[in-house]
Amino acid sequence: MIEGFPANGKGTLWIGGAEVPPDGGRYVPVVDPSTGRRLAEAPVASVEQARGAVDVASSLEESWGTTPGHVRARILRSVSERLQADREAFARLIASEVGKPIVDARVEVDRAVGVFALAAEEVRHLGGESYPADAYERPPGNEHRFLFTVRDPIGVVIAIAPFNFPLNLLSHKVAPALAAGDPVVAKPTSAAPFTALRLAQHLSAAGLPKGVFNVVLGPGGTVGDALVEHPKSRLVTFTGSTDVGKAIAGKAGRHATRVILEMGGLDPFVVLEDAPLDSTVVAAVRGIFTYSGQVCTASKRLLVQDRIADEFARRLAERADLLRVGPALDEATEVGPVIDRAALERLDRMVEDARARSAQVLAGGRTKAIAGGTFYSPTVLDHVPPEARVVQEEPFGPVAPILRFSDVDEAIRIANATPYGLQAAVYTRDISRGFSLAKRIRAGGVHLNDPTTLRWDALPFGGVRESGLGREGLRYAMQEMTEVKLISVNYAGS
């Protein structure tokens, strides 16, 4: 039995600092993608429970928002320490719930440890600015005024997190909100609820007041909508698909609720003819196949200059064939399963569509039968036409489609030929050319001679166009999660 799953097999919600069973006793199965085996059952909250969680959190806005910063920081540091001590249990829980290879799951826990530690540090820097009042002609009397800004907590934050990083991406929403003085209602995916519920237990044990952090579970169309449209919800931070993110933005907008949206992408990995092929191919493998490609910043389109495309494709296919595919809890596994059978079927359809449009399958291109799990072979497709589904839609799987280009202008055109703009990578020995491409590619981040999956937890992260609104990254998320208030002091005659 993996630690973190309920002994009776049925999970609970976390509302008001207590375990709460779902109204009506409704549950959905949580399945191990590596084996197809049912691990436990996730509770499904009622709409009333979701609204009640927001009410509980809202009732604590004043008390938590005025809790001294050093107290909030101490709690966050304690959470970081507790996560570190619980590293192996969390990693095994993540590997079991979402099929992430155990080696990568441990890295995810390490990053979450750092996120809470960084949030504690950023409490000290959440300040405003002062302004020279006498530099402004109007209103009259500015020579006797002092002007400054402060940042107030925005209020209840709704944190909607995906399956692929069930601890770290949730931490990127929860830690800055708590650091800023905002109570939180989290809605993790029902595919991976027990990682979030274990985090709730650690937050409570670290001294977080009851009700400041809550966890509800259930479908987006009912529970999610109840959270987003609640009049006391002040900000929604979401990671997931573009279609769902845009729907959330529309619903939140009707209530003037702020949003931070980290959505889909078709991140280009551009290889110029002078790129060092050995290191570039290694980086491409990492960017494409890490966690079976189920990463929002995965390298989803490989744009390779004609002169080196044959050699690059051959080397990439050779390395893809050598990757060890297996169950997530196997220490030797490099590529684990995809999240469920629907994802497997979608990948099959995409690869078949590309094949039907004359793309060449150099590696993989098929499901892989292992122990009842949902495995897809690491796949390399060459000569992929631009109209193929695999380069028009986010595959979210271990598939590497290669598109060829003749010159830099064509590379830019292909890179920007989607409505997305999350991250991009450019590989070249000519840094001047690399900088030129970085300026012209429309994305939230461009990495020269590093893969698209690169992310610094303390620095701004997010996309442009249909890849996102707002920015994550501790300080930047905290700025989004606070309101700027101008205060003026008239000291004339005081």
Foldseek 3Di string as FASTA:
>chain_A
DQPLQDPVQEAAWAAQNDGHAAVPNDWAFQAFQQARDTDGTYGAHALVVLLVLQVLQQVCLVVLQPDDLLVLLQLLLQLLVVLVVCLQSLLVLLCRLFVAASVVSSVLSNLLSVLSNVLSVCLVVQFKAWDQQVVDPPDPPSNQKTKIKGWTFQEEEEEEEESLSQRNSSSLRPNLNSSLRYAYEYEYASSRPSSVVVSSVSSVVSPDRGSSYIYHYHDCVRSVLSNLQNLRHAEYEYEEALVVQVVSCVNNVVNNHHYWYFHADQAEEEEEPAFPLVLSLVQLCCLQANQQLLARQRNQEYEYAPVCVVVSLLVNQVVLQVAAEHGNHDNRHRHYAGRDVVLLVLLLVLLVQQVVVPKDKSHFSHFDDDNNRHGGRQTEIEPGDCVRVSSQDPSSGNYYYYDYDHDDVVVLCSLQVHQWAFEYEYGHPPVVVVVVSQVSRAHPYYYYSHGSNDDDQQDWGHTPGSRIDFTTHNNRSSVSRIDMDMDMDRNVPD
